[in-house]
Protein backbone atom coordinates (compact mmCIF):
# COMPACT_ATOMS: atom_id res chain seq x y z
CA MET A 1 0.00 0.00 0.00
CA ARG A 2 2.81 2.37 0.88
CA SER A 3 4.53 1.77 -2.47
CA ARG A 4 1.27 2.40 -4.34
CA LYS A 5 1.13 5.88 -2.78
CA LEU A 6 4.85 6.52 -3.06
CA LEU A 7 5.03 6.19 -6.86
CA PRO A 8 2.34 8.83 -7.61
CA ARG A 9 4.01 11.19 -5.10
CA LEU A 10 7.38 10.73 -6.80
CA ASP A 11 5.71 11.30 -10.17
CA ARG A 12 4.14 14.57 -9.04
CA TRP A 13 7.40 15.66 -7.36
CA ALA A 14 9.34 15.09 -10.59
CA PHE A 15 6.65 16.90 -12.59
CA ASP A 16 6.83 19.94 -10.26
CA ARG A 17 10.62 20.02 -10.44
CA ILE A 18 10.56 20.01 -14.23
CA ALA A 19 7.87 22.71 -14.28
CA ALA A 20 9.82 24.94 -11.91
CA ARG A 21 13.14 24.67 -13.69
CA GLU A 22 14.31 26.96 -16.48
CA TRP A 23 15.27 25.09 -19.67
CA PRO A 24 17.31 27.41 -21.91
CA GLY A 25 16.07 27.40 -25.50
CA ALA A 26 13.34 24.86 -24.82
CA GLN A 27 10.50 27.37 -25.06
CA ARG A 28 11.21 28.00 -28.75
CA VAL A 29 11.42 24.30 -29.63
CA LEU A 30 9.50 21.91 -27.42
CA PRO A 31 5.92 23.28 -27.69
CA ARG A 32 6.25 23.32 -31.49
CA LEU A 33 7.81 19.87 -31.47
CA THR A 34 5.03 18.38 -29.38
CA ARG A 35 2.39 19.87 -31.70
CA SER A 36 4.19 18.54 -34.78
CA ALA A 37 3.96 15.03 -33.34
CA ASN A 38 0.16 15.17 -32.97
CA HIS A 39 -1.46 12.17 -34.68
CA GLY A 40 2.00 10.91 -35.68
CA LEU A 41 2.44 13.63 -38.34
CA LEU A 42 6.10 14.22 -37.48
CA TRP A 43 6.90 10.53 -37.94
CA PHE A 44 4.85 10.28 -41.10
CA GLY A 45 6.94 13.12 -42.50
CA VAL A 46 10.22 11.48 -41.50
CA ALA A 47 9.08 8.18 -43.01
CA ALA A 48 7.95 9.81 -46.26
CA GLY A 49 11.24 11.68 -46.63
CA ALA A 50 13.26 8.53 -45.99
CA ALA A 51 11.18 6.50 -48.46
CA ALA A 52 11.52 9.17 -51.16
CA LEU A 53 15.21 9.90 -50.77
CA GLY A 54 16.88 7.00 -49.03
CA GLY A 55 16.50 4.04 -51.36
CA ARG A 56 15.27 0.54 -50.61
CA PRO A 57 16.88 0.07 -47.14
CA ALA A 58 15.43 3.40 -45.99
CA ARG A 59 11.98 2.47 -47.33
CA ARG A 60 12.15 -0.79 -45.44
CA ALA A 61 13.15 1.03 -42.23
CA ALA A 62 10.38 3.61 -42.70
CA LEU A 63 7.79 0.88 -43.20
CA ARG A 64 8.90 -0.95 -40.06
CA GLY A 65 8.88 2.27 -38.07
CA MET A 66 5.35 3.14 -39.18
CA ALA A 67 4.10 -0.41 -38.50
CA SER A 68 5.54 -0.20 -34.98
CA LEU A 69 3.96 3.23 -34.48
CA ALA A 70 0.58 1.97 -35.67
CA LEU A 71 0.63 -0.95 -33.24
CA ALA A 72 1.75 1.26 -30.35
CA SER A 73 -0.93 3.86 -31.09
CA ALA A 74 -3.65 1.23 -31.32
CA THR A 75 -2.56 -0.33 -28.04
CA VAL A 76 -2.45 3.00 -26.22
CA ASN A 77 -5.88 4.08 -27.42
CA THR A 78 -7.70 0.75 -27.06
CA LEU A 79 -6.11 -0.73 -23.94
CA GLY A 80 -3.81 1.70 -22.17
CA LYS A 81 -6.02 4.72 -21.70
CA ARG A 82 -9.13 2.63 -21.01
CA SER A 83 -7.40 0.47 -18.40
CA VAL A 84 -5.91 3.30 -16.34
CA ARG A 85 -8.04 6.42 -15.93
CA ARG A 86 -5.60 9.06 -14.73
CA ALA A 87 -6.36 12.75 -14.62
CA ARG A 88 -4.06 15.14 -16.43
CA PRO A 89 -1.61 17.16 -14.30
CA LEU A 90 -2.74 20.46 -12.81
CA LEU A 91 -1.16 23.32 -14.70
CA ASP A 92 -0.67 25.69 -11.76
CA ALA A 93 3.08 25.04 -11.63
CA VAL A 94 3.60 25.18 -15.42
CA PRO A 95 4.49 28.63 -16.84
CA LEU A 96 1.74 29.93 -19.10
CA MET A 97 4.09 30.36 -22.08
CA ARG A 98 4.80 26.59 -22.08
CA GLN A 99 1.17 25.48 -22.03
CA LEU A 100 -0.55 24.27 -25.17
CA GLY A 101 -3.41 26.25 -26.65
CA ARG A 102 -5.63 23.13 -26.75
CA GLN A 103 -5.33 20.81 -23.79
CA PRO A 104 -5.91 17.07 -24.34
CA PHE A 105 -8.88 15.58 -22.52
CA THR A 106 -8.16 11.84 -22.62
CA SER A 107 -6.56 9.84 -19.81
CA SER A 108 -3.04 10.95 -18.95
CA PHE A 109 -1.71 7.39 -18.72
CA PRO A 110 0.13 6.35 -20.85
CA SER A 111 1.53 9.00 -23.17
CA GLY A 112 0.56 8.26 -26.77
CA HIS A 113 3.17 10.73 -28.10
CA ALA A 114 5.94 8.95 -26.18
CA ALA A 115 4.70 5.55 -27.33
CA SER A 116 4.66 6.60 -30.98
CA ALA A 117 8.09 8.25 -30.78
CA ALA A 118 9.73 5.27 -29.10
CA ALA A 119 8.00 2.77 -31.41
CA PHE A 120 9.10 4.58 -34.58
CA ALA A 121 12.71 5.08 -33.51
CA THR A 122 13.02 1.50 -32.22
CA GLY A 123 11.42 0.04 -35.35
CA VAL A 124 13.80 1.99 -37.58
CA GLY A 125 16.69 0.93 -35.37
CA PHE A 126 15.87 -2.73 -35.88
CA GLU A 127 16.50 -2.23 -39.61
CA ASN A 128 19.55 0.02 -39.16
CA LYS A 129 20.95 0.70 -35.69
CA TRP A 130 22.67 3.93 -36.77
CA TRP A 131 19.46 5.41 -38.13
CA GLY A 132 17.72 4.40 -34.91
CA LEU A 133 20.40 6.10 -32.83
CA ALA A 134 20.11 9.22 -34.99
CA LEU A 135 16.37 9.34 -34.29
CA ALA A 136 16.77 8.70 -30.56
CA PRO A 137 17.37 12.38 -29.57
CA LEU A 138 14.31 13.47 -31.56
CA SER A 139 12.21 10.71 -30.02
CA ALA A 140 13.39 11.58 -26.51
CA SER A 141 12.70 15.28 -27.12
CA VAL A 142 9.12 14.54 -28.19
CA ALA A 143 8.61 12.42 -25.07
CA PHE A 144 10.10 15.08 -22.78
CA SER A 145 8.04 17.81 -24.45
CA ARG A 146 4.89 16.19 -23.05
CA VAL A 147 6.11 16.79 -19.49
CA TYR A 148 7.58 20.19 -20.32
CA THR A 149 4.25 21.46 -21.67
CA GLY A 150 2.38 20.04 -18.66
CA VAL A 151 0.14 17.47 -20.36
CA HIS A 152 1.73 14.34 -18.84
CA TYR A 153 3.47 13.17 -15.72
CA PRO A 154 6.95 11.67 -16.19
CA GLY A 155 5.54 8.25 -15.33
CA ASP A 156 3.04 8.54 -18.19
CA VAL A 157 5.89 9.23 -20.59
CA LEU A 158 8.06 6.36 -19.33
CA ALA A 159 5.14 3.95 -19.56
CA GLY A 160 4.31 5.14 -23.07
CA ALA A 161 7.93 4.81 -24.19
CA ALA A 162 8.12 1.28 -22.77
CA LEU A 163 4.91 0.39 -24.58
CA GLY A 164 6.29 1.81 -27.83
CA VAL A 165 9.48 -0.22 -27.55
CA GLY A 166 7.38 -3.30 -26.83
CA ALA A 167 5.27 -2.63 -29.94
CA ALA A 168 8.42 -2.49 -32.08
CA PHE A 169 9.55 -5.82 -30.62
CA ALA A 170 6.12 -7.29 -31.34
CA VAL A 171 6.29 -6.16 -34.97
CA ARG A 172 9.75 -7.66 -35.25
CA GLY A 173 8.38 -10.92 -33.89
CA MET A 174 5.62 -10.97 -36.50
CA ALA A 175 7.79 -9.65 -39.35
CA PRO A 176 11.46 -10.49 -38.73
CA THR A 177 14.12 -8.15 -40.02
CA ARG A 178 16.40 -9.05 -42.88
CA ALA A 179 19.24 -9.53 -40.39
CA GLN A 180 17.17 -12.14 -38.55
CA LEU A 181 16.29 -13.90 -41.79
CA ALA A 182 19.60 -13.56 -43.61
CA PRO A 183 20.22 -16.29 -46.16
CA PRO A 184 22.09 -19.12 -44.44
CA ALA A 185 25.82 -19.04 -45.12
CA ARG A 186 25.80 -22.51 -46.56
CA PRO A 187 27.12 -24.16 -48.47
CA ARG A 188 30.39 -22.27 -48.14
CA ALA A 189 32.51 -22.13 -51.27
CA GLU A 190 36.13 -21.48 -52.09
CA ALA A 191 36.97 -18.12 -53.63
CA PRO A 192 40.22 -16.13 -53.75
CA ALA A 193 40.69 -13.20 -51.39
CA LEU A 194 41.38 -10.10 -53.49
CA PRO A 195 42.65 -7.21 -51.31
CA ARG A 196 41.51 -3.84 -52.65
CA GLY A 197 39.97 -5.76 -55.57
CA ARG A 198 43.27 -6.72 -57.21
CA GLY A 199 42.46 -9.58 -59.60
CA LEU A 200 38.77 -8.70 -59.86
CA TYR A 201 37.58 -7.87 -63.39
CA VAL A 202 34.30 -5.97 -63.24
CA VAL A 203 31.87 -5.38 -66.08
CA ALA A 204 29.70 -2.35 -65.28
CA ASN A 205 26.49 -1.65 -67.17
CA ALA A 206 26.23 2.08 -67.83
CA THR A 207 22.48 1.84 -68.50
CA SER A 208 21.45 0.00 -65.30
CA GLY A 209 19.77 1.71 -62.38
CA GLN A 210 17.49 4.71 -62.18
CA ARG A 211 16.32 6.00 -65.55
CA SER A 212 16.09 9.69 -64.70
CA GLY A 213 18.94 12.14 -64.13
CA PRO A 214 22.56 11.99 -65.28
CA ARG A 215 24.22 8.59 -65.58
CA PRO A 216 26.68 7.81 -62.79
CA ASP A 217 30.39 7.25 -63.38
CA ARG A 218 30.51 3.47 -63.05
CA VAL A 219 34.32 3.28 -63.00
CA ALA A 220 34.46 5.74 -60.09
CA GLU A 221 31.76 3.79 -58.25
CA VAL A 222 33.72 0.54 -58.46
CA HIS A 223 37.04 2.15 -57.56
CA GLY A 224 35.44 3.84 -54.58
CA ALA A 225 34.89 0.38 -53.07
CA LEU A 226 37.66 -1.66 -54.73
CA PRO A 227 40.45 0.68 -55.92
CA GLN A 228 42.54 -1.94 -57.73
CA ALA A 229 39.74 -3.72 -59.60
CA GLU A 230 39.80 -3.59 -63.40
CA VAL A 231 36.60 -2.09 -64.82
CA ALA A 232 35.08 -2.37 -68.30
CA VAL A 233 31.95 -0.34 -69.06
CA CYS A 234 29.30 -1.82 -71.35
CA GLY A 235 26.07 -0.36 -72.66
CA GLY A 236 25.43 3.26 -73.46
CA PRO A 237 26.76 5.15 -76.48
CA ASN A 238 30.45 4.58 -75.63
CA GLY A 239 30.36 1.17 -73.98
CA MET A 240 31.25 -2.14 -75.60
CA PRO A 241 28.64 -4.90 -76.08
CA MET A 242 27.90 -6.72 -72.84
CA ASP A 243 28.61 -10.23 -74.17
CA LYS A 244 32.05 -9.18 -75.44
CA ALA A 245 32.89 -7.31 -72.23
CA LEU A 246 31.95 -10.29 -70.04
CA GLU A 247 33.93 -12.78 -72.12
CA GLU A 248 37.04 -10.59 -72.12
CA ALA A 249 36.76 -9.98 -68.37
CA ALA A 250 36.32 -13.72 -67.71
CA GLU A 251 39.40 -14.59 -69.76
CA GLN A 252 41.48 -12.02 -67.90
CA ALA A 253 40.22 -13.27 -64.53
CA LEU A 254 41.09 -16.85 -65.46
CA ALA A 255 44.60 -15.85 -66.55
CA TRP A 256 45.20 -13.93 -63.31
CA GLY A 257 43.53 -16.49 -61.02
CA GLY A 258 41.00 -13.90 -59.86
CA ALA A 259 37.26 -13.45 -60.17
CA LEU A 260 34.58 -11.93 -62.37
CA GLY A 261 32.62 -8.95 -61.09
CA VAL A 262 29.44 -7.30 -62.32
CA LEU A 263 27.77 -3.99 -61.55
CA GLY A 264 24.20 -3.69 -62.77
CA GLY A 265 20.66 -4.91 -62.36
CA ASP A 266 19.26 -8.42 -62.40
CA GLY A 267 19.43 -8.78 -66.19
CA THR A 268 23.10 -7.81 -66.19
CA VAL A 269 23.85 -10.12 -63.26
CA ASN A 270 22.06 -12.93 -65.14
CA ALA A 271 24.40 -12.52 -68.12
CA ALA A 272 27.46 -12.41 -65.85
CA ALA A 273 26.36 -15.50 -63.92
CA THR A 274 26.06 -17.47 -67.17
CA VAL A 275 29.61 -16.53 -68.12
CA ALA A 276 30.94 -17.20 -64.60
CA VAL A 277 29.47 -20.72 -64.56
CA ARG A 278 30.80 -21.52 -68.02
CA HIS A 279 34.33 -20.46 -67.03
CA GLY A 280 34.20 -21.81 -63.46
CA LEU A 281 34.79 -18.36 -61.92
CA PRO A 282 33.48 -16.90 -58.66
CA LEU A 283 31.20 -13.89 -59.15
CA ALA A 284 31.16 -10.61 -57.23
CA VAL A 285 27.83 -8.78 -57.48
CA LEU A 286 27.73 -5.01 -56.96
CA PRO A 287 24.07 -3.92 -56.76
CA GLY A 288 23.80 -1.18 -59.38
CA GLY A 289 20.32 -1.76 -60.77
CA THR A 290 16.88 -0.49 -59.90
CA LEU A 291 15.61 -3.46 -57.89
CA ASN A 292 18.65 -5.73 -57.34
CA HIS A 293 16.57 -8.73 -56.26
CA PHE A 294 19.38 -11.29 -56.47
CA ALA A 295 21.94 -9.12 -54.66
CA TYR A 296 19.53 -8.26 -51.84
CA ASP A 297 18.43 -11.87 -51.38
CA LEU A 298 22.09 -12.81 -51.29
CA GLY A 299 22.59 -10.29 -48.48
CA VAL A 300 24.66 -7.80 -50.53
CA GLU A 301 22.90 -4.43 -50.26
CA THR A 302 25.78 -2.03 -50.90
CA TYR A 303 29.06 -1.87 -52.79
CA ALA A 304 30.78 -1.96 -49.39
CA ASP A 305 29.13 -5.32 -48.60
CA ALA A 306 30.47 -6.76 -51.83
CA ALA A 307 33.92 -5.23 -51.31
CA ARG A 308 34.35 -6.68 -47.82
CA ALA A 309 33.44 -10.15 -49.07
CA VAL A 310 35.81 -9.90 -52.05
CA GLU A 311 38.71 -8.72 -49.90
CA SER A 312 38.18 -11.47 -47.32
CA GLY A 313 37.47 -14.24 -49.86
CA GLU A 314 34.15 -15.19 -48.24
CA ALA A 315 31.70 -16.88 -50.62
CA VAL A 316 28.78 -19.30 -50.88
CA ALA A 317 27.48 -21.63 -53.56
CA VAL A 318 23.99 -20.83 -54.88
CA ASP A 319 21.51 -22.52 -57.18
CA LEU A 320 20.66 -21.44 -60.69
CA ALA A 321 17.58 -22.40 -62.66
CA ARG A 322 17.42 -22.71 -66.42
CA PHE A 323 14.88 -23.32 -69.15
CA ARG A 324 15.61 -25.29 -72.32
CA VAL A 325 13.73 -25.40 -75.62
CA GLY A 326 13.11 -28.99 -76.66
CA ALA A 327 16.30 -31.06 -76.49
CA HIS A 328 18.59 -28.02 -76.48
CA GLN A 329 21.20 -28.72 -73.81
CA GLU A 330 22.58 -25.26 -72.97
CA GLY A 331 19.36 -23.40 -72.26
CA GLN A 332 18.97 -20.00 -70.61
CA TYR A 333 19.68 -19.42 -66.91
CA PHE A 334 17.58 -17.33 -64.56
CA LEU A 335 18.63 -16.16 -61.11
CA ASN A 336 15.30 -14.97 -59.77
CA THR A 337 12.06 -15.57 -61.63
CA PHE A 338 10.56 -16.91 -64.84
CA SER A 339 6.99 -16.21 -65.91
CA ILE A 340 4.49 -16.71 -68.73
CA GLY A 341 1.18 -14.95 -69.22
CA ALA A 342 0.33 -11.42 -68.23
CA TYR A 343 3.53 -10.60 -66.39
CA PRO A 344 5.84 -10.48 -69.47
CA GLU A 345 3.49 -7.91 -71.03
CA LEU A 346 3.57 -5.96 -67.77
CA VAL A 347 7.40 -5.94 -67.90
CA ARG A 348 7.37 -4.71 -71.51
CA ILE A 349 5.01 -1.82 -70.74
CA ARG A 350 6.83 -0.95 -67.53
CA GLU A 351 10.18 -0.74 -69.32
CA ARG A 352 8.67 1.55 -71.96
CA TRP A 353 7.54 4.07 -69.31
CA ALA A 354 10.10 3.62 -66.54
CA HIS A 355 12.64 6.08 -67.95
CA ARG A 356 9.96 8.78 -68.09
CA ILE A 357 8.08 8.41 -64.80
CA GLY A 358 10.16 6.02 -62.68
CA ALA A 359 10.03 2.26 -62.14
CA TRP A 360 7.31 2.06 -59.46
CA PRO A 361 4.73 4.39 -61.13
CA ALA A 362 5.46 2.65 -64.44
CA GLY A 363 4.73 -0.70 -62.78
CA ILE A 364 1.34 0.51 -61.56
CA LEU A 365 0.49 1.94 -64.99
CA ALA A 366 1.54 -1.31 -66.68
CA ALA A 367 -0.49 -3.44 -64.26
CA CYS A 368 -3.64 -1.41 -64.96
CA GLU A 369 -3.09 -1.65 -68.72
CA VAL A 370 -2.51 -5.42 -68.54
CA LEU A 371 -5.72 -5.86 -66.53
CA ARG A 372 -7.65 -3.97 -69.17
CA SER A 373 -6.30 -5.73 -72.24
CA SER A 374 -4.97 -9.18 -71.32
CA THR A 375 -6.73 -12.51 -71.75
CA PRO A 376 -6.01 -15.89 -70.11
CA LEU A 377 -3.57 -18.28 -71.75
CA SER A 378 -4.13 -22.00 -72.40
CA ILE A 379 -0.95 -24.03 -71.78
CA GLU A 380 0.17 -27.50 -70.73
CA ILE A 381 1.93 -27.83 -67.38
CA ASN A 382 3.56 -31.21 -66.83
CA GLY A 383 1.25 -32.70 -69.46
CA GLU A 384 -2.01 -31.21 -68.08
CA ARG A 385 -3.94 -28.45 -69.85
CA HIS A 386 -4.63 -25.30 -67.80
CA VAL A 387 -6.14 -21.88 -68.54
CA VAL A 388 -4.08 -19.35 -66.61
CA TRP A 389 -3.46 -15.67 -66.22
CA LEU A 390 0.05 -16.21 -65.02
CA LEU A 391 2.64 -18.93 -64.45
CA PHE A 392 5.40 -17.90 -62.07
CA VAL A 393 8.53 -19.94 -61.36
CA GLY A 394 11.09 -18.83 -58.79
CA ASN A 395 14.66 -20.00 -58.47
CA CYS A 396 14.40 -21.29 -54.87
CA GLN A 397 11.40 -20.79 -52.61
CA TYR A 398 10.07 -17.29 -52.13
CA ARG A 399 8.81 -16.21 -48.73
CA GLY A 400 7.73 -12.90 -47.29
CA LEU A 401 5.76 -10.91 -44.78
CA GLY A 402 2.21 -12.12 -44.49
CA THR A 403 1.11 -13.94 -47.65
CA ALA A 404 3.16 -12.00 -50.20
CA PRO A 405 6.24 -13.94 -51.40
CA VAL A 406 8.77 -11.16 -51.84
CA ARG A 407 12.21 -12.61 -51.09
CA ARG A 408 14.22 -15.79 -50.59
CA HIS A 409 15.93 -16.85 -47.39
CA ASP A 410 17.85 -19.75 -48.94
CA LEU A 411 19.50 -19.58 -52.35
CA ALA A 412 20.54 -23.24 -52.38
CA ASP A 413 17.38 -25.17 -51.49
CA GLY A 414 17.23 -27.23 -54.71
CA VAL A 415 13.65 -26.38 -55.73
CA LEU A 416 11.66 -24.37 -58.24
CA ASP A 417 8.91 -22.31 -56.61
CA VAL A 418 5.96 -22.82 -59.01
CA ARG A 419 2.80 -20.71 -58.69
CA VAL A 420 -0.10 -20.59 -61.15
CA VAL A 421 -2.80 -17.89 -61.19
CA HIS A 422 -5.74 -19.71 -62.77
CA ALA A 423 -8.43 -17.95 -64.77
CA GLY A 424 -11.60 -17.52 -62.76
CA ARG A 425 -13.77 -15.18 -60.76
CA LEU A 426 -11.95 -12.02 -59.55
CA ALA A 427 -8.77 -13.29 -61.16
CA GLY A 428 -8.07 -9.84 -62.57
CA VAL A 429 -7.97 -8.27 -59.11
CA ARG A 430 -5.58 -10.93 -57.93
CA LEU A 431 -3.49 -10.41 -61.05
CA LEU A 432 -3.16 -6.71 -60.26
CA THR A 433 -2.05 -7.53 -56.72
CA ALA A 434 0.43 -10.06 -58.06
CA ALA A 435 1.83 -7.60 -60.57
CA LEU A 436 2.34 -4.84 -58.01
CA LEU A 437 4.06 -7.22 -55.61
CA GLY A 438 6.15 -8.88 -58.30
CA THR A 439 4.81 -12.39 -57.56
CA PRO A 440 1.29 -13.73 -56.97
CA ARG A 441 -0.26 -13.83 -53.53
CA SER A 442 -1.70 -16.97 -52.05
CA SER A 443 -5.41 -17.29 -52.87
CA PRO A 444 -7.94 -19.92 -53.95
CA LEU A 445 -7.03 -19.13 -57.55
CA VAL A 446 -3.33 -19.78 -57.00
CA GLY A 447 -1.82 -23.24 -57.24
CA GLU A 448 1.60 -23.82 -55.67
CA ALA A 449 4.26 -26.53 -55.84
CA ARG A 450 7.96 -26.96 -55.07
CA LEU A 451 9.56 -29.02 -57.84
CA PRO A 452 13.06 -29.77 -59.18
CA ARG A 453 11.79 -29.86 -62.79
CA LEU A 454 8.85 -28.52 -64.81
CA ARG A 455 7.64 -29.05 -68.39
CA ILE A 456 5.59 -26.41 -70.24
CA GLY A 457 4.01 -27.08 -73.63
CA GLY A 458 1.28 -25.90 -75.98
CA LEU A 459 2.54 -22.33 -76.11
CA PRO A 460 1.19 -20.29 -79.02
CA ASN A 461 3.89 -18.97 -81.35
CA GLY A 462 5.37 -15.71 -80.15
CA THR A 463 4.26 -16.15 -76.52
CA PRO A 464 6.41 -13.75 -74.48
CA LEU A 465 8.42 -15.09 -71.54
CA ALA A 466 9.90 -12.94 -68.79
CA TYR A 467 12.99 -13.94 -66.82
CA ASP A 468 15.00 -11.71 -64.50
CA GLY A 469 13.31 -8.63 -65.94
CA GLU A 470 14.05 -9.52 -69.57
CA VAL A 471 11.35 -10.43 -72.11
CA SER A 472 11.83 -12.89 -75.01
CA ALA A 473 9.82 -15.38 -77.07
CA PHE A 474 10.85 -19.05 -77.36
CA PRO A 475 8.95 -21.53 -79.55
CA GLY A 476 8.16 -25.15 -78.68
CA GLU A 477 8.11 -27.07 -75.44
CA LEU A 478 10.13 -25.75 -72.51
CA THR A 479 11.80 -27.68 -69.73
CA LEU A 480 12.69 -25.84 -66.53
CA GLU A 481 15.15 -27.43 -64.14
CA LYS A 482 17.48 -26.71 -61.27
CA ARG A 483 21.26 -26.70 -61.26
CA ASN A 484 22.11 -26.96 -57.61
CA GLU A 485 25.00 -25.03 -56.03
CA VAL A 486 26.54 -24.36 -59.42
CA LEU A 487 27.48 -20.67 -58.97
CA THR A 488 30.00 -19.35 -56.43
CA VAL A 489 29.17 -15.83 -55.26
CA TYR A 490 31.00 -13.55 -52.84
CA ARG A 491 29.06 -12.91 -49.67
CA LEU A 492 30.08 -12.04 -46.12
CA LEU A 493 29.67 -15.00 -43.80
CA PRO A 494 28.34 -14.61 -40.24
CA ASN A 495 30.82 -14.90 -37.39
């Protein structure tokens, strides 16, 4: 009983001490800061800025921060404030110039502002600890501003902050971070250590990456991470053809006893992987494209990640998938995905508009156009006739948050991830969802299987196929199959 009375007394004592103290410069900042955080607007603005300017890792951090904030806010408003009915502090001790123009009327316990601030900063920190630490002073200032302006006791703020941190942990439990779900570092593979990139022959695609703005200096980008690497630029008005550049780089790497490197998007990496396998060379992937699916699933998100792996000689063996026409033995490899149906047309339209309006808006425009104009396709899958909107095949099993398969956690699992969107009721809506996500979502119209081999027949002449972002047409029957652990790729291994 004594402790139950002691805690409120300590809370009021701390509140009075804060109210009585002069805080230089706080009057110009904290009341405005606390108003800016109303309804989470401050954090929405930070998240929007990060998503627009920071690239894919920043978008992922912003999304996690907002998900954590949403859970914290819902918990505060549905459970916290209804469970503990605490009156707001009396404002007698708070200087008038600090007080807010509109006083809140809900329960004082816990502080929703503190919960949102702590949840957002903690959620961002789970994706990138340095970004989380950078946000910590802002988060703490928002929390303190609630006591400074007299609308909460310190205990309300501490409870709200604890609840916000707990919400971020709960979101991480439901949707693990990439660090938690990093691709397993197996099977390990032998690759030469190349200090400062000496012995690495890199082919850089000048046309990969964002379509708007001036083209980056690819040679300078590579040398910024690996100063002694040899760089050949392909594509663009002054670059050599990609096939020739890759073959010459592979021959030089073989003669030196080094490795082949590639800077570009998934299509460029696909071409380099084919050459690396043919010559028995390890491959270093520098993510220089727009989406970089293979590099990100591998765990290489920056040039620095690739450089550290190359310099230390750390590498893994990964699977490739390939499709062959009839009895043709060589076939065409794909690193990520293969698809037939509406998706190849979506890729074609997206590529036509991406350089004008950006990749993501172009994808939405293409998905809407495909929905309007596409028709189902009749094909044979392993000898059975099906009418489908889309056949998707992934190199290794795709997983993701919720029901959307968006990434792979194992690049050497030995399977093809086969998903079929059948024609049927509301199939168009599901197709749009699938197109925007890049792969179809689980639904009654979606059939799934994990197979080492797949046969596709009955394709009309000129049927477009999409693989790793490229679109082509192949006549006749196709056979898709796995080649397990055939490509050695540099990747940092966990300690």
